[in-house]
């Protein structure tokens, strides 16, 4: 897994991103560098708080959960429970548009694929 991910400058003119609150946009962009080579991460709001926002008191677990629900609805992330574990995944086409990783260099994901947006 890479140490980070690219955030394309087209994010500033994305209608989906601009429909988010500033706090939701912050949550969205700070999750991206933590994604694995398949665009996946734990979807547990508690885990994301600990991993992505450990020093941000103004980003609560409830705030993260609310943002994840919105991201799922508008298609920024797929968020689903698989085998009892919450998984967050950037839709693969979107992830591949901005992250250029050849398939033979991708590390195996420890998270199962989220197949569809509920």
PDB file of N, CA and C in Angstrom:
ATOM      1  N   UNK A   1       0.840  -1.177   0.000  1.00  0.00           N
ATOM      2  CA  UNK A   1       0.000   0.000   0.000  1.00  0.00           C
ATOM      3  C   UNK A   1       0.883   1.239   0.000  1.00  0.00           C
ATOM      4  N   UNK A   2       0.487   2.207  -0.777  1.00  0.00           N
ATOM      5  CA  UNK A   2       1.227   3.459  -0.864  1.00  0.00           C
ATOM      6  C   UNK A   2       1.111   4.245   0.441  1.00  0.00           C
ATOM      7  N   UNK A   3       2.013   5.188   0.629  1.00  0.00           N
ATOM      8  CA  UNK A   3       1.966   6.047   1.807  1.00  0.00           C
ATOM      9  C   UNK A   3       0.879   7.105   1.687  1.00  0.00           C
ATOM     10  N   UNK A   4       0.337   7.283   0.518  1.00  0.00           N
ATOM     11  CA  UNK A   4      -0.696   8.297   0.326  1.00  0.00           C
ATOM     12  C   UNK A   4      -1.403   8.098  -0.993  1.00  0.00           C
ATOM     13  N   UNK A   5      -2.338   8.953  -1.267  1.00  0.00           N
ATOM     14  CA  UNK A   5      -3.123   8.911  -2.485  1.00  0.00           C
ATOM     15  C   UNK A   5      -3.156  10.295  -3.090  1.00  0.00           C
ATOM     16  N   UNK A   6      -3.388  10.343  -4.394  1.00  0.00           N
ATOM     17  CA  UNK A   6      -3.504  11.619  -5.098  1.00  0.00           C
ATOM     18  C   UNK A   6      -4.919  12.159  -4.947  1.00  0.00           C
ATOM     19  N   UNK A   7      -5.018  13.466  -4.779  1.00  0.00           N
ATOM     20  CA  UNK A   7      -6.301  14.155  -4.842  1.00  0.00           C
ATOM     21  C   UNK A   7      -6.185  15.117  -6.012  1.00  0.00           C
ATOM     22  N   UNK A   8      -6.934  14.842  -7.047  1.00  0.00           N
ATOM     23  CA  UNK A   8      -6.879  15.611  -8.290  1.00  0.00           C
ATOM     24  C   UNK A   8      -7.427  17.014  -8.064  1.00  0.00           C
ATOM     25  N   UNK A   9      -6.866  18.001  -8.763  1.00  0.00           N
ATOM     26  CA  UNK A   9      -7.343  19.370  -8.586  1.00  0.00           C
ATOM     27  C   UNK A   9      -8.764  19.577  -9.106  1.00  0.00           C
ATOM     28  N   UNK A  10      -9.300  18.633  -9.855  1.00  0.00           N
ATOM     29  CA  UNK A  10     -10.693  18.742 -10.312  1.00  0.00           C
ATOM     30  C   UNK A  10     -11.667  18.612  -9.144  1.00  0.00           C
ATOM     31  N   UNK A  11     -11.179  18.235  -7.965  1.00  0.00           N
ATOM     32  CA  UNK A  11     -12.048  18.128  -6.793  1.00  0.00           C
ATOM     33  C   UNK A  11     -12.703  19.466  -6.479  1.00  0.00           C
ATOM     34  N   UNK A  12     -12.010  20.566  -6.790  1.00  0.00           N
ATOM     35  CA  UNK A  12     -12.541  21.885  -6.450  1.00  0.00           C
ATOM     36  C   UNK A  12     -13.737  22.298  -7.301  1.00  0.00           C
ATOM     37  N   UNK A  13     -13.945  21.626  -8.436  1.00  0.00           N
ATOM     38  CA  UNK A  13     -15.099  21.946  -9.267  1.00  0.00           C
ATOM     39  C   UNK A  13     -16.108  20.797  -9.337  1.00  0.00           C
ATOM     40  N   UNK A  14     -15.906  19.784  -8.520  1.00  0.00           N
ATOM     41  CA  UNK A  14     -16.836  18.658  -8.454  1.00  0.00           C
ATOM     42  C   UNK A  14     -18.137  19.117  -7.802  1.00  0.00           C
ATOM     43  N   UNK A  15     -19.248  18.913  -8.494  1.00  0.00           N
ATOM     44  CA  UNK A  15     -20.542  19.294  -7.923  1.00  0.00           C
ATOM     45  C   UNK A  15     -20.871  18.467  -6.688  1.00  0.00           C
ATOM     46  N   UNK A  16     -20.525  17.186  -6.710  1.00  0.00           N
ATOM     47  CA  UNK A  16     -20.785  16.341  -5.536  1.00  0.00           C
ATOM     48  C   UNK A  16     -20.030  16.869  -4.317  1.00  0.00           C
ATOM     49  N   UNK A  17     -18.766  17.204  -4.504  1.00  0.00           N
ATOM     50  CA  UNK A  17     -17.957  17.700  -3.387  1.00  0.00           C
ATOM     51  C   UNK A  17     -18.469  19.063  -2.922  1.00  0.00           C
ATOM     52  N   UNK A  18     -18.835  19.913  -3.850  1.00  0.00           N
ATOM     53  CA  UNK A  18     -19.313  21.244  -3.493  1.00  0.00           C
ATOM     54  C   UNK A  18     -20.699  21.239  -2.870  1.00  0.00           C
ATOM     55  N   UNK A  19     -21.420  20.128  -2.968  1.00  0.00           N
ATOM     56  CA  UNK A  19     -22.696  19.989  -2.269  1.00  0.00           C
ATOM     57  C   UNK A  19     -22.504  19.551  -0.814  1.00  0.00           C
ATOM     58  N   UNK A  20     -21.271  19.191  -0.449  1.00  0.00           N
ATOM     59  CA  UNK A  20     -20.970  18.808   0.926  1.00  0.00           C
ATOM     60  C   UNK A  20     -20.756  20.050   1.786  1.00  0.00           C
ATOM     61  N   UNK A  21     -20.953  19.884   3.085  1.00  0.00           N
ATOM     62  CA  UNK A  21     -20.551  20.944   4.008  1.00  0.00           C
ATOM     63  C   UNK A  21     -19.018  20.968   4.047  1.00  0.00           C
ATOM     64  N   UNK A  22     -18.458  22.014   4.591  1.00  0.00           N
ATOM     65  CA  UNK A  22     -16.997  22.097   4.701  1.00  0.00           C
ATOM     66  C   UNK A  22     -16.474  20.939   5.554  1.00  0.00           C
ATOM     67  N   UNK A  23     -17.173  20.611   6.632  1.00  0.00           N
ATOM     68  CA  UNK A  23     -16.739  19.517   7.504  1.00  0.00           C
ATOM     69  C   UNK A  23     -16.801  18.177   6.770  1.00  0.00           C
ATOM     70  N   UNK A  24     -17.874  17.944   6.000  1.00  0.00           N
ATOM     71  CA  UNK A  24     -17.992  16.701   5.232  1.00  0.00           C
ATOM     72  C   UNK A  24     -16.896  16.610   4.172  1.00  0.00           C
ATOM     73  N   UNK A  25     -16.603  17.714   3.504  1.00  0.00           N
ATOM     74  CA  UNK A  25     -15.534  17.723   2.499  1.00  0.00           C
ATOM     75  C   UNK A  25     -14.184  17.435   3.149  1.00  0.00           C
ATOM     76  N   UNK A  26     -13.973  17.961   4.333  1.00  0.00           N
ATOM     77  CA  UNK A  26     -12.750  17.696   5.088  1.00  0.00           C
ATOM     78  C   UNK A  26     -12.640  16.204   5.403  1.00  0.00           C
ATOM     79  N   UNK A  27     -13.716  15.620   5.892  1.00  0.00           N
ATOM     80  CA  UNK A  27     -13.724  14.189   6.212  1.00  0.00           C
ATOM     81  C   UNK A  27     -13.434  13.375   4.956  1.00  0.00           C
ATOM     82  N   UNK A  28     -14.107  13.700   3.873  1.00  0.00           N
ATOM     83  CA  UNK A  28     -13.906  12.978   2.608  1.00  0.00           C
ATOM     84  C   UNK A  28     -12.443  13.018   2.171  1.00  0.00           C
ATOM     85  N   UNK A  29     -11.866  14.203   2.118  1.00  0.00           N
ATOM     86  CA  UNK A  29     -10.493  14.322   1.605  1.00  0.00           C
ATOM     87  C   UNK A  29      -9.461  13.700   2.531  1.00  0.00           C
ATOM     88  N   UNK A  30      -9.704  13.736   3.829  1.00  0.00           N
ATOM     89  CA  UNK A  30      -8.730  13.147   4.749  1.00  0.00           C
ATOM     90  C   UNK A  30      -8.800  11.628   4.781  1.00  0.00           C
ATOM     91  N   UNK A  31      -9.888  11.033   4.344  1.00  0.00           N
ATOM     92  CA  UNK A  31      -9.968   9.569   4.273  1.00  0.00           C
ATOM     93  C   UNK A  31      -9.152   9.050   3.093  1.00  0.00           C
ATOM     94  N   UNK A  32      -9.149   9.763   1.982  1.00  0.00           N
ATOM     95  CA  UNK A  32      -8.524   9.290   0.743  1.00  0.00           C
ATOM     96  C   UNK A  32      -7.082   8.803   0.920  1.00  0.00           C
ATOM     97  N   UNK A  33      -6.196   9.528   1.614  1.00  0.00           N
ATOM     98  CA  UNK A  33      -4.813   9.029   1.733  1.00  0.00           C
ATOM     99  C   UNK A  33      -4.662   7.719   2.488  1.00  0.00           C
ATOM    100  N   UNK A  34      -5.702   7.329   3.216  1.00  0.00           N
ATOM    101  CA  UNK A  34      -5.639   6.103   4.012  1.00  0.00           C
ATOM    102  C   UNK A  34      -6.181   4.879   3.286  1.00  0.00           C
ATOM    103  N   UNK A  35      -6.728   5.058   2.089  1.00  0.00           N
ATOM    104  CA  UNK A  35      -7.291   3.937   1.341  1.00  0.00           C
ATOM    105  C   UNK A  35      -6.202   2.961   0.907  1.00  0.00           C
ATOM    106  N   UNK A  36      -6.552   1.696   0.845  1.00  0.00           N
ATOM    107  CA  UNK A  36      -5.585   0.711   0.356  1.00  0.00           C
ATOM    108  C   UNK A  36      -5.524   0.756  -1.173  1.00  0.00           C
ATOM    109  N   UNK A  37      -4.789  -0.143  -1.780  1.00  0.00           N
ATOM    110  CA  UNK A  37      -4.578  -0.134  -3.232  1.00  0.00           C
ATOM    111  C   UNK A  37      -5.831  -0.454  -4.037  1.00  0.00           C
ATOM    112  N   UNK A  38      -6.923  -0.763  -3.366  1.00  0.00           N
ATOM    113  CA  UNK A  38      -8.188  -1.051  -4.031  1.00  0.00           C
ATOM    114  C   UNK A  38      -9.253  -0.025  -3.660  1.00  0.00           C
ATOM    115  N   UNK A  39      -8.841   1.024  -2.938  1.00  0.00           N
ATOM    116  CA  UNK A  39      -9.768   2.079  -2.555  1.00  0.00           C
ATOM    117  C   UNK A  39     -10.634   1.722  -1.368  1.00  0.00           C
ATOM    118  N   UNK A  40     -10.143   0.826  -0.505  1.00  0.00           N
ATOM    119  CA  UNK A  40     -10.926   0.326   0.626  1.00  0.00           C
ATOM    120  C   UNK A  40     -10.274   0.658   1.961  1.00  0.00           C
ATOM    121  N   UNK A  41     -11.133   0.724   2.972  1.00  0.00           N
ATOM    122  CA  UNK A  41     -10.694   0.959   4.345  1.00  0.00           C
ATOM    123  C   UNK A  41     -11.806   0.473   5.269  1.00  0.00           C
ATOM    124  N   UNK A  42     -11.509   0.302   6.530  1.00  0.00           N
ATOM    125  CA  UNK A  42     -12.558  -0.031   7.489  1.00  0.00           C
ATOM    126  C   UNK A  42     -13.618   1.062   7.431  1.00  0.00           C
ATOM    127  N   UNK A  43     -14.871   0.648   7.468  1.00  0.00           N
ATOM    128  CA  UNK A  43     -15.967   1.601   7.451  1.00  0.00           C
ATOM    129  C   UNK A  43     -16.518   1.901   8.831  1.00  0.00           C
ATOM    130  N   UNK A  44     -15.838   1.438   9.857  1.00  0.00           N
ATOM    131  CA  UNK A  44     -16.265   1.713  11.228  1.00  0.00           C
ATOM    132  C   UNK A  44     -15.970   3.182  11.566  1.00  0.00           C
ATOM    133  N   UNK A  45     -16.993   3.957  11.920  1.00  0.00           N
ATOM    134  CA  UNK A  45     -16.734   5.345  12.296  1.00  0.00           C
ATOM    135  C   UNK A  45     -15.735   5.476  13.444  1.00  0.00           C
ATOM    136  N   UNK A  46     -15.769   4.554  14.405  1.00  0.00           N
ATOM    137  CA  UNK A  46     -14.812   4.593  15.529  1.00  0.00           C
ATOM    138  C   UNK A  46     -13.385   4.362  15.033  1.00  0.00           C
ATOM    139  N   UNK A  47     -13.218   3.398  14.133  1.00  0.00           N
ATOM    140  CA  UNK A  47     -11.892   3.117  13.591  1.00  0.00           C
ATOM    141  C   UNK A  47     -11.386   4.294  12.756  1.00  0.00           C
ATOM    142  N   UNK A  48     -12.273   4.867  11.943  1.00  0.00           N
ATOM    143  CA  UNK A  48     -11.869   6.025  11.131  1.00  0.00           C
ATOM    144  C   UNK A  48     -11.490   7.206  12.010  1.00  0.00           C
ATOM    145  N   UNK A  49     -12.218   7.428  13.082  1.00  0.00           N
ATOM    146  CA  UNK A  49     -11.872   8.504  14.021  1.00  0.00           C
ATOM    147  C   UNK A  49     -10.465   8.286  14.550  1.00  0.00           C
ATOM    148  N   UNK A  50     -10.168   7.071  14.973  1.00  0.00           N
ATOM    149  CA  UNK A  50      -8.858   6.764  15.550  1.00  0.00           C
ATOM    150  C   UNK A  50      -7.733   6.842  14.520  1.00  0.00           C
ATOM    151  N   UNK A  51      -7.999   6.389  13.310  1.00  0.00           N
ATOM    152  CA  UNK A  51      -6.971   6.332  12.275  1.00  0.00           C
ATOM    153  C   UNK A  51      -6.763   7.663  11.557  1.00  0.00           C
ATOM    154  N   UNK A  52      -7.856   8.312  11.162  1.00  0.00           N
ATOM    155  CA  UNK A  52      -7.774   9.474  10.284  1.00  0.00           C
ATOM    156  C   UNK A  52      -7.824  10.801  11.046  1.00  0.00           C
ATOM    157  N   UNK A  53      -8.583  10.851  12.140  1.00  0.00           N
ATOM    158  CA  UNK A  53      -8.808  12.117  12.846  1.00  0.00           C
ATOM    159  C   UNK A  53      -8.475  12.046  14.338  1.00  0.00           C
ATOM    160  N   UNK A  54      -7.373  11.436  14.726  1.00  0.00           N
ATOM    161  CA  UNK A  54      -7.134  11.238  16.162  1.00  0.00           C
ATOM    162  C   UNK A  54      -6.965  12.537  16.951  1.00  0.00           C
ATOM    163  N   UNK A  55      -6.553  13.608  16.300  1.00  0.00           N
ATOM    164  CA  UNK A  55      -6.294  14.858  17.020  1.00  0.00           C
ATOM    165  C   UNK A  55      -7.363  15.927  16.782  1.00  0.00           C
ATOM    166  N   UNK A  56      -8.384  15.593  16.012  1.00  0.00           N
ATOM    167  CA  UNK A  56      -9.430  16.565  15.678  1.00  0.00           C
ATOM    168  C   UNK A  56     -10.635  16.380  16.599  1.00  0.00           C
ATOM    169  N   UNK A  57     -10.697  17.177  17.650  1.00  0.00           N
ATOM    170  CA  UNK A  57     -11.794  17.068  18.615  1.00  0.00           C
ATOM    171  C   UNK A  57     -13.140  17.418  17.984  1.00  0.00           C
ATOM    172  N   UNK A  58     -13.111  18.313  16.993  1.00  0.00           N
ATOM    173  CA  UNK A  58     -14.378  18.740  16.385  1.00  0.00           C
ATOM    174  C   UNK A  58     -14.955  17.716  15.406  1.00  0.00           C
ATOM    175  N   UNK A  59     -14.205  16.649  15.113  1.00  0.00           N
ATOM    176  CA  UNK A  59     -14.702  15.567  14.259  1.00  0.00           C
ATOM    177  C   UNK A  59     -15.071  14.397  15.171  1.00  0.00           C
ATOM    178  N   UNK A  60     -16.363  14.258  15.441  1.00  0.00           N
ATOM    179  CA  UNK A  60     -16.846  13.207  16.340  1.00  0.00           C
ATOM    180  C   UNK A  60     -17.172  11.940  15.552  1.00  0.00           C
ATOM    181  N   UNK A  61     -17.331  10.868  16.270  1.00  0.00           N
ATOM    182  CA  UNK A  61     -17.738   9.602  15.661  1.00  0.00           C
ATOM    183  C   UNK A  61     -19.098   9.770  14.983  1.00  0.00           C
ATOM    184  N   UNK A  62     -20.016  10.471  15.637  1.00  0.00           N
ATOM    185  CA  UNK A  62     -21.333  10.708  15.036  1.00  0.00           C
ATOM    186  C   UNK A  62     -21.227  11.536  13.767  1.00  0.00           C
ATOM    187  N   UNK A  63     -20.348  12.507  13.748  1.00  0.00           N
ATOM    188  CA  UNK A  63     -20.123  13.342  12.565  1.00  0.00           C
ATOM    189  C   UNK A  63     -19.598  12.488  11.408  1.00  0.00           C
ATOM    190  N   UNK A  64     -18.673  11.598  11.709  1.00  0.00           N
ATOM    191  CA  UNK A  64     -18.115  10.701  10.692  1.00  0.00           C
ATOM    192  C   UNK A  64     -19.210   9.787  10.156  1.00  0.00           C
ATOM    193  N   UNK A  65     -19.999   9.205  11.053  1.00  0.00           N
ATOM    194  CA  UNK A  65     -21.066   8.304  10.614  1.00  0.00           C
ATOM    195  C   UNK A  65     -22.069   9.028   9.719  1.00  0.00           C
ATOM    196  N   UNK A  66     -22.443  10.226  10.087  1.00  0.00           N
ATOM    197  CA  UNK A  66     -23.374  11.015   9.276  1.00  0.00           C
ATOM    198  C   UNK A  66     -22.786  11.304   7.895  1.00  0.00           C
ATOM    199  N   UNK A  67     -21.507  11.663   7.864  1.00  0.00           N
ATOM    200  CA  UNK A  67     -20.830  11.935   6.585  1.00  0.00           C
ATOM    201  C   UNK A  67     -20.778  10.675   5.723  1.00  0.00           C
ATOM    202  N   UNK A  68     -20.478   9.522   6.321  1.00  0.00           N
ATOM    203  CA  UNK A  68     -20.410   8.276   5.560  1.00  0.00           C
ATOM    204  C   UNK A  68     -21.752   7.923   4.938  1.00  0.00           C
ATOM    205  N   UNK A  69     -22.814   8.170   5.687  1.00  0.00           N
ATOM    206  CA  UNK A  69     -24.157   7.922   5.134  1.00  0.00           C
ATOM    207  C   UNK A  69     -24.399   8.803   3.904  1.00  0.00           C
ATOM    208  N   UNK A  70     -24.020  10.059   4.016  1.00  0.00           N
ATOM    209  CA  UNK A  70     -24.207  10.981   2.894  1.00  0.00           C
ATOM    210  C   UNK A  70     -23.331  10.583   1.711  1.00  0.00           C
ATOM    211  N   UNK A  71     -22.071  10.248   1.970  1.00  0.00           N
ATOM    212  CA  UNK A  71     -21.162   9.833   0.888  1.00  0.00           C
ATOM    213  C   UNK A  71     -21.740   8.625   0.150  1.00  0.00           C
ATOM    214  N   UNK A  72     -22.311   7.691   0.904  1.00  0.00           N
ATOM    215  CA  UNK A  72     -22.892   6.492   0.308  1.00  0.00           C
ATOM    216  C   UNK A  72     -24.082   6.858  -0.585  1.00  0.00           C
ATOM    217  N   UNK A  73     -24.934   7.735  -0.097  1.00  0.00           N
ATOM    218  CA  UNK A  73     -26.126   8.129  -0.844  1.00  0.00           C
ATOM    219  C   UNK A  73     -25.771   8.831  -2.150  1.00  0.00           C
ATOM    220  N   UNK A  74     -24.779   9.715  -2.112  1.00  0.00           N
ATOM    221  CA  UNK A  74     -24.459  10.479  -3.326  1.00  0.00           C
ATOM    222  C   UNK A  74     -23.394   9.806  -4.196  1.00  0.00           C
ATOM    223  N   UNK A  75     -22.858   8.671  -3.739  1.00  0.00           N
ATOM    224  CA  UNK A  75     -21.958   7.875  -4.565  1.00  0.00           C
ATOM    225  C   UNK A  75     -20.484   8.215  -4.471  1.00  0.00           C
ATOM    226  N   UNK A  76     -20.072   8.965  -3.444  1.00  0.00           N
ATOM    227  CA  UNK A  76     -18.643   9.246  -3.274  1.00  0.00           C
ATOM    228  C   UNK A  76     -17.902   8.034  -2.719  1.00  0.00           C
ATOM    229  N   UNK A  77     -18.553   7.306  -1.852  1.00  0.00           N
ATOM    230  CA  UNK A  77     -18.031   6.057  -1.299  1.00  0.00           C
ATOM    231  C   UNK A  77     -19.169   5.057  -1.258  1.00  0.00           C
ATOM    232  N   UNK A  78     -18.821   3.792  -1.315  1.00  0.00           N
ATOM    233  CA  UNK A  78     -19.752   2.713  -1.045  1.00  0.00           C
ATOM    234  C   UNK A  78     -19.483   2.299   0.393  1.00  0.00           C
ATOM    235  N   UNK A  79     -20.530   2.184   1.177  1.00  0.00           N
ATOM    236  CA  UNK A  79     -20.398   1.862   2.600  1.00  0.00           C
ATOM    237  C   UNK A  79     -21.380   0.764   2.917  1.00  0.00           C
ATOM    238  N   UNK A  80     -20.861  -0.389   3.321  1.00  0.00           N
ATOM    239  CA  UNK A  80     -21.751  -1.525   3.549  1.00  0.00           C
ATOM    240  C   UNK A  80     -21.134  -2.454   4.580  1.00  0.00           C
ATOM    241  N   UNK A  81     -21.978  -3.259   5.179  1.00  0.00           N
ATOM    242  CA  UNK A  81     -21.522  -4.276   6.121  1.00  0.00           C
ATOM    243  C   UNK A  81     -21.393  -5.592   5.382  1.00  0.00           C
ATOM    244  N   UNK A  82     -20.219  -6.188   5.473  1.00  0.00           N
ATOM    245  CA  UNK A  82     -19.957  -7.468   4.831  1.00  0.00           C
ATOM    246  C   UNK A  82     -19.392  -8.407   5.893  1.00  0.00           C
ATOM    247  N   UNK A  83     -20.063  -9.524   6.076  1.00  0.00           N
ATOM    248  CA  UNK A  83     -19.657 -10.510   7.085  1.00  0.00           C
ATOM    249  C   UNK A  83     -19.443  -9.870   8.455  1.00  0.00           C
ATOM    250  N   UNK A  84     -20.343  -8.965   8.833  1.00  0.00           N
ATOM    251  CA  UNK A  84     -20.294  -8.335  10.148  1.00  0.00           C
ATOM    252  C   UNK A  84     -19.309  -7.192  10.290  1.00  0.00           C
ATOM    253  N   UNK A  85     -18.644  -6.816   9.208  1.00  0.00           N
ATOM    254  CA  UNK A  85     -17.652  -5.733   9.267  1.00  0.00           C
ATOM    255  C   UNK A  85     -18.052  -4.619   8.299  1.00  0.00           C
ATOM    256  N   UNK A  86     -18.036  -3.376   8.802  1.00  0.00           N
ATOM    257  CA  UNK A  86     -18.321  -2.241   7.934  1.00  0.00           C
ATOM    258  C   UNK A  86     -17.112  -1.960   7.051  1.00  0.00           C
ATOM    259  N   UNK A  87     -17.360  -1.811   5.757  1.00  0.00           N
ATOM    260  CA  UNK A  87     -16.309  -1.552   4.780  1.00  0.00           C
ATOM    261  C   UNK A  87     -16.662  -0.265   4.040  1.00  0.00           C
ATOM    262  N   UNK A  88     -15.669   0.572   3.839  1.00  0.00           N
ATOM    263  CA  UNK A  88     -15.822   1.789   3.049  1.00  0.00           C
ATOM    264  C   UNK A  88     -14.955   1.623   1.816  1.00  0.00           C
ATOM    265  N   UNK A  89     -15.525   1.913   0.656  1.00  0.00           N
ATOM    266  CA  UNK A  89     -14.788   1.720  -0.595  1.00  0.00           C
ATOM    267  C   UNK A  89     -15.122   2.863  -1.553  1.00  0.00           C
ATOM    268  N   UNK A  90     -14.102   3.465  -2.113  1.00  0.00           N
ATOM    269  CA  UNK A  90     -14.348   4.425  -3.177  1.00  0.00           C
ATOM    270  C   UNK A  90     -14.719   3.620  -4.415  1.00  0.00           C
ATOM    271  N   UNK A  91     -15.782   4.011  -5.128  1.00  0.00           N
ATOM    272  CA  UNK A  91     -16.132   3.242  -6.335  1.00  0.00           C
ATOM    273  C   UNK A  91     -14.894   3.046  -7.205  1.00  0.00           C
ATOM    274  N   UNK A  92     -14.670   1.803  -7.646  1.00  0.00           N
ATOM    275  CA  UNK A  92     -13.403   1.437  -8.285  1.00  0.00           C
ATOM    276  C   UNK A  92     -13.085   2.287  -9.516  1.00  0.00           C
ATOM    277  N   UNK A  93     -14.095   2.591 -10.328  1.00  0.00           N
ATOM    278  CA  UNK A  93     -13.849   3.420 -11.509  1.00  0.00           C
ATOM    279  C   UNK A  93     -13.330   4.796 -11.094  1.00  0.00           C
ATOM    280  N   UNK A  94     -13.954   5.377 -10.093  1.00  0.00           N
ATOM    281  CA  UNK A  94     -13.529   6.695  -9.582  1.00  0.00           C
ATOM    282  C   UNK A  94     -12.127   6.604  -8.995  1.00  0.00           C
ATOM    283  N   UNK A  95     -11.874   5.566  -8.213  1.00  0.00           N
ATOM    284  CA  UNK A  95     -10.564   5.382  -7.601  1.00  0.00           C
ATOM    285  C   UNK A  95      -9.489   5.258  -8.676  1.00  0.00           C
ATOM    286  N   UNK A  96      -9.750   4.447  -9.692  1.00  0.00           N
ATOM    287  CA  UNK A  96      -8.772   4.239 -10.769  1.00  0.00           C
ATOM    288  C   UNK A  96      -8.544   5.483 -11.618  1.00  0.00           C
ATOM    289  N   UNK A  97      -9.537   6.371 -11.698  1.00  0.00           N
ATOM    290  CA  UNK A  97      -9.355   7.607 -12.456  1.00  0.00           C
ATOM    291  C   UNK A  97      -8.282   8.504 -11.846  1.00  0.00           C
ATOM    292  N   UNK A  98      -8.068   8.371 -10.547  1.00  0.00           N
ATOM    293  CA  UNK A  98      -7.139   9.271  -9.862  1.00  0.00           C
ATOM    294  C   UNK A  98      -5.922   8.585  -9.263  1.00  0.00           C
ATOM    295  N   UNK A  99      -5.971   7.261  -9.137  1.00  0.00           N
ATOM    296  CA  UNK A  99      -4.867   6.502  -8.557  1.00  0.00           C
ATOM    297  C   UNK A  99      -4.341   5.536  -9.616  1.00  0.00           C
ATOM    298  N   UNK A 100      -3.163   5.776 -10.070  1.00  0.00           N
ATOM    299  CA  UNK A 100      -2.612   4.958 -11.154  1.00  0.00           C
ATOM    300  C   UNK A 100      -1.693   3.885 -10.567  1.00  0.00           C
ATOM    301  N   UNK A 101      -2.281   2.707 -10.372  1.00  0.00           N
ATOM    302  CA  UNK A 101      -1.560   1.574  -9.796  1.00  0.00           C
ATOM    303  C   UNK A 101      -1.769   0.395 -10.741  1.00  0.00           C
ATOM    304  N   UNK A 102      -0.692  -0.170 -11.242  1.00  0.00           N
ATOM    305  CA  UNK A 102      -0.877  -1.335 -12.112  1.00  0.00           C
ATOM    306  C   UNK A 102      -1.321  -2.522 -11.250  1.00  0.00           C
ATOM    307  N   UNK A 103      -2.193  -3.334 -11.817  1.00  0.00           N
ATOM    308  CA  UNK A 103      -2.780  -4.443 -11.059  1.00  0.00           C
ATOM    309  C   UNK A 103      -1.731  -5.363 -10.444  1.00  0.00           C
ATOM    310  N   UNK A 104      -0.605  -5.565 -11.127  1.00  0.00           N
ATOM    311  CA  UNK A 104       0.404  -6.474 -10.578  1.00  0.00           C
ATOM    312  C   UNK A 104       1.190  -5.846  -9.419  1.00  0.00           C
ATOM    313  N   UNK A 105       1.015  -4.544  -9.185  1.00  0.00           N
ATOM    314  CA  UNK A 105       1.701  -3.891  -8.062  1.00  0.00           C
ATOM    315  C   UNK A 105       0.780  -3.635  -6.876  1.00  0.00           C
ATOM    316  N   UNK A 106      -0.495  -3.916  -7.043  1.00  0.00           N
ATOM    317  CA  UNK A 106      -1.442  -3.715  -5.941  1.00  0.00           C
ATOM    318  C   UNK A 106      -1.237  -4.794  -4.879  1.00  0.00           C
ATOM    319  N   UNK A 107      -1.211  -4.362  -3.630  1.00  0.00           N
ATOM    320  CA  UNK A 107      -1.181  -5.333  -2.545  1.00  0.00           C
ATOM    321  C   UNK A 107      -2.597  -5.841  -2.314  1.00  0.00           C
ATOM    322  N   UNK A 108      -2.701  -7.070  -1.875  1.00  0.00           N
ATOM    323  CA  UNK A 108      -4.017  -7.666  -1.628  1.00  0.00           C
ATOM    324  C   UNK A 108      -4.721  -6.888  -0.521  1.00  0.00           C
ATOM    325  N   UNK A 109      -5.980  -6.592  -0.756  1.00  0.00           N
ATOM    326  CA  UNK A 109      -6.765  -5.864   0.242  1.00  0.00           C
ATOM    327  C   UNK A 109      -7.158  -6.803   1.374  1.00  0.00           C
ATOM    328  N   UNK A 110      -7.142  -6.297   2.587  1.00  0.00           N
ATOM    329  CA  UNK A 110      -7.633  -7.101   3.703  1.00  0.00           C
ATOM    330  C   UNK A 110      -9.138  -6.929   3.881  1.00  0.00           C
ATOM    331  N   UNK A 111      -9.747  -6.120   3.020  1.00  0.00           N
ATOM    332  CA  UNK A 111     -11.184  -5.875   3.067  1.00  0.00           C
ATOM    333  C   UNK A 111     -11.859  -6.472   1.834  1.00  0.00           C
ATOM    334  N   UNK A 112     -13.038  -7.049   2.022  1.00  0.00           N
ATOM    335  CA  UNK A 112     -13.764  -7.576   0.861  1.00  0.00           C
ATOM    336  C   UNK A 112     -14.309  -6.430   0.004  1.00  0.00           C
ATOM    337  N   UNK A 113     -14.558  -6.724  -1.255  1.00  0.00           N
ATOM    338  CA  UNK A 113     -15.095  -5.716  -2.176  1.00  0.00           C
ATOM    339  C   UNK A 113     -16.542  -5.404  -1.852  1.00  0.00           C
ATOM    340  N   UNK A 114     -16.866  -4.130  -1.858  1.00  0.00           N
ATOM    341  CA  UNK A 114     -18.248  -3.699  -1.741  1.00  0.00           C
ATOM    342  C   UNK A 114     -18.779  -3.647  -3.157  1.00  0.00           C
ATOM    343  N   UNK A 115     -19.767  -4.476  -3.466  1.00  0.00           N
ATOM    344  CA  UNK A 115     -20.194  -4.654  -4.842  1.00  0.00           C
ATOM    345  C   UNK A 115     -21.186  -3.622  -5.331  1.00  0.00           C
ATOM    346  N   UNK A 116     -21.998  -3.080  -4.450  1.00  0.00           N
ATOM    347  CA  UNK A 116     -22.997  -2.133  -4.932  1.00  0.00           C
ATOM    348  C   UNK A 116     -23.349  -1.134  -3.854  1.00  0.00           C
ATOM    349  N   UNK A 117     -23.894  -0.025  -4.298  1.00  0.00           N
ATOM    350  CA  UNK A 117     -24.388   0.978  -3.364  1.00  0.00           C
ATOM    351  C   UNK A 117     -25.819   0.602  -3.013  1.00  0.00           C
ATOM    352  N   UNK A 118     -26.101   0.435  -1.724  1.00  0.00           N
ATOM    353  CA  UNK A 118     -27.462   0.042  -1.336  1.00  0.00           C
ATOM    354  C   UNK A 118     -28.489   1.093  -1.734  1.00  0.00           C
TER     355      UNK A 118
END
